[in-house]
Amino acid sequence: MAMIRKPKTNSLFSIAQVIIGIALLALSTHLALASETYLEVLNQGGLNQYHAFALLVCFSFFAGILLIAQQAFKQDSHQFDELSSY
């Protein structure tokens, strides 16, 4: 049987997806740890937006998790396809 090769763009996209996921997790962690400073600056500027800040932290965290989980799910299903003889 001849093996079908996937284009390199797929693997580059996968690598970029994992890197962006890790970057989003790092961003959400940094924002959560330094939240006091960011909220103080928002209050000084008259932008008392606690809800928007919390949404930004949660959105970046969950987006990072979903990107990495999507990539892991693709890898698992690909490995299952390779093991399955049917």
C-alpha atoms as a PDB file:
ATOM      1  CA  MET A   1       0.000   0.000   0.000  1.00  0.00           C
ATOM      2  CA  ALA A   2       1.198   3.448  -0.844  1.00  0.00           C
ATOM      3  CA  MET A   3       1.206   5.963   1.968  1.00  0.00           C
ATOM      4  CA  ILE A   4      -0.587   9.203   1.352  1.00  0.00           C
ATOM      5  CA  ARG A   5       1.450  12.158   2.501  1.00  0.00           C
ATOM      6  CA  LYS A   6      -0.243  15.137   4.036  1.00  0.00           C
ATOM      7  CA  PRO A   7       0.937  18.567   2.970  1.00  0.00           C
ATOM      8  CA  LYS A   8       3.444  20.376   5.159  1.00  0.00           C
ATOM      9  CA  THR A   9       1.015  23.235   5.715  1.00  0.00           C
ATOM     10  CA  ASN A  10      -1.064  20.929   7.896  1.00  0.00           C
ATOM     11  CA  SER A  11       1.864  20.260  10.214  1.00  0.00           C
ATOM     12  CA  LEU A  12       2.836  23.943  10.256  1.00  0.00           C
ATOM     13  CA  PHE A  13      -0.738  24.840  11.135  1.00  0.00           C
ATOM     14  CA  SER A  14      -0.690  22.270  13.933  1.00  0.00           C
ATOM     15  CA  ILE A  15       2.531  23.693  15.347  1.00  0.00           C
ATOM     16  CA  ALA A  16       1.167  27.241  15.109  1.00  0.00           C
ATOM     17  CA  GLN A  17      -2.036  26.125  16.805  1.00  0.00           C
ATOM     18  CA  VAL A  18      -0.162  24.675  19.784  1.00  0.00           C
ATOM     19  CA  ILE A  19       2.126  27.723  20.051  1.00  0.00           C
ATOM     20  CA  ILE A  20      -0.855  30.106  19.996  1.00  0.00           C
ATOM     21  CA  GLY A  21      -2.598  27.960  22.610  1.00  0.00           C
ATOM     22  CA  ILE A  22       0.427  28.110  24.903  1.00  0.00           C
ATOM     23  CA  ALA A  23       0.751  31.866  24.314  1.00  0.00           C
ATOM     24  CA  LEU A  24      -2.910  32.390  25.253  1.00  0.00           C
ATOM     25  CA  LEU A  25      -2.440  30.353  28.423  1.00  0.00           C
ATOM     26  CA  ALA A  26       0.647  32.394  29.291  1.00  0.00           C
ATOM     27  CA  LEU A  27      -1.248  35.635  28.630  1.00  0.00           C
ATOM     28  CA  SER A  28      -4.178  34.630  30.825  1.00  0.00           C
ATOM     29  CA  THR A  29      -1.820  33.534  33.604  1.00  0.00           C
ATOM     30  CA  HIS A  30       0.111  36.804  33.433  1.00  0.00           C
ATOM     31  CA  LEU A  31      -3.079  38.869  33.450  1.00  0.00           C
ATOM     32  CA  ALA A  32      -4.489  36.921  36.377  1.00  0.00           C
ATOM     33  CA  LEU A  33      -1.295  37.246  38.428  1.00  0.00           C
ATOM     34  CA  ALA A  34      -0.872  40.963  37.681  1.00  0.00           C
ATOM     35  CA  SER A  35      -4.577  41.779  37.816  1.00  0.00           C
ATOM     36  CA  GLU A  36      -4.148  44.219  40.705  1.00  0.00           C
ATOM     37  CA  THR A  37      -1.861  46.413  38.619  1.00  0.00           C
ATOM     38  CA  TYR A  38      -4.058  46.311  35.527  1.00  0.00           C
ATOM     39  CA  LEU A  39      -7.235  47.051  37.492  1.00  0.00           C
ATOM     40  CA  GLU A  40      -5.512  49.979  39.248  1.00  0.00           C
ATOM     41  CA  VAL A  41      -4.554  51.466  35.882  1.00  0.00           C
ATOM     42  CA  LEU A  42      -8.099  50.961  34.578  1.00  0.00           C
ATOM     43  CA  ASN A  43      -9.516  52.714  37.653  1.00  0.00           C
ATOM     44  CA  GLN A  44      -7.106  55.659  37.288  1.00  0.00           C
ATOM     45  CA  GLY A  45      -8.180  56.093  33.669  1.00  0.00           C
ATOM     46  CA  GLY A  46     -11.841  56.038  34.637  1.00  0.00           C
ATOM     47  CA  LEU A  47     -12.306  52.679  32.954  1.00  0.00           C
ATOM     48  CA  ASN A  48     -13.691  50.641  35.816  1.00  0.00           C
ATOM     49  CA  GLN A  49     -14.333  47.524  33.764  1.00  0.00           C
ATOM     50  CA  TYR A  50     -13.889  44.590  36.107  1.00  0.00           C
ATOM     51  CA  HIS A  51     -16.201  42.429  34.039  1.00  0.00           C
ATOM     52  CA  ALA A  52     -14.396  43.118  30.762  1.00  0.00           C
ATOM     53  CA  PHE A  53     -11.039  42.329  32.362  1.00  0.00           C
ATOM     54  CA  ALA A  54     -12.319  39.075  33.845  1.00  0.00           C
ATOM     55  CA  LEU A  55     -13.851  38.116  30.498  1.00  0.00           C
ATOM     56  CA  LEU A  56     -10.536  38.783  28.755  1.00  0.00           C
ATOM     57  CA  VAL A  57      -8.681  36.539  31.208  1.00  0.00           C
ATOM     58  CA  CYS A  58     -11.276  33.748  30.959  1.00  0.00           C
ATOM     59  CA  PHE A  59     -11.538  33.994  27.180  1.00  0.00           C
ATOM     60  CA  SER A  60      -7.779  33.771  26.646  1.00  0.00           C
ATOM     61  CA  PHE A  61      -7.505  30.856  29.073  1.00  0.00           C
ATOM     62  CA  PHE A  62     -10.319  28.820  27.518  1.00  0.00           C
ATOM     63  CA  ALA A  63      -9.213  29.645  23.971  1.00  0.00           C
ATOM     64  CA  GLY A  64      -5.729  28.350  24.758  1.00  0.00           C
ATOM     65  CA  ILE A  65      -7.107  25.172  26.327  1.00  0.00           C
ATOM     66  CA  LEU A  66      -9.428  24.561  23.364  1.00  0.00           C
ATOM     67  CA  LEU A  67      -6.666  25.055  20.787  1.00  0.00           C
ATOM     68  CA  ILE A  68      -4.361  22.601  22.532  1.00  0.00           C
ATOM     69  CA  ALA A  69      -7.190  20.108  23.178  1.00  0.00           C
ATOM     70  CA  GLN A  70      -8.249  20.254  19.532  1.00  0.00           C
ATOM     71  CA  GLN A  71      -4.716  19.434  18.458  1.00  0.00           C
ATOM     72  CA  ALA A  72      -4.443  16.600  20.976  1.00  0.00           C
ATOM     73  CA  PHE A  73      -7.777  15.176  19.797  1.00  0.00           C
ATOM     74  CA  LYS A  74      -6.576  15.246  16.180  1.00  0.00           C
ATOM     75  CA  GLN A  75      -3.397  13.391  17.174  1.00  0.00           C
ATOM     76  CA  ASP A  76      -5.361  10.761  19.124  1.00  0.00           C
ATOM     77  CA  SER A  77      -7.812  10.118  16.300  1.00  0.00           C
ATOM     78  CA  HIS A  78      -4.938   9.919  13.803  1.00  0.00           C
ATOM     79  CA  GLN A  79      -3.125   7.349  15.965  1.00  0.00           C
ATOM     80  CA  PHE A  80      -6.344   5.362  16.331  1.00  0.00           C
ATOM     81  CA  ASP A  81      -6.764   5.336  12.534  1.00  0.00           C
ATOM     82  CA  GLU A  82      -3.213   4.023  12.152  1.00  0.00           C
ATOM     83  CA  LEU A  83      -3.805   1.219  14.677  1.00  0.00           C
ATOM     84  CA  SER A  84      -7.173   0.226  13.270  1.00  0.00           C
ATOM     85  CA  SER A  85      -6.961  -2.356  10.495  1.00  0.00           C
ATOM     86  CA  TYR A  86     -10.526  -1.750   9.346  1.00  0.00           C
END
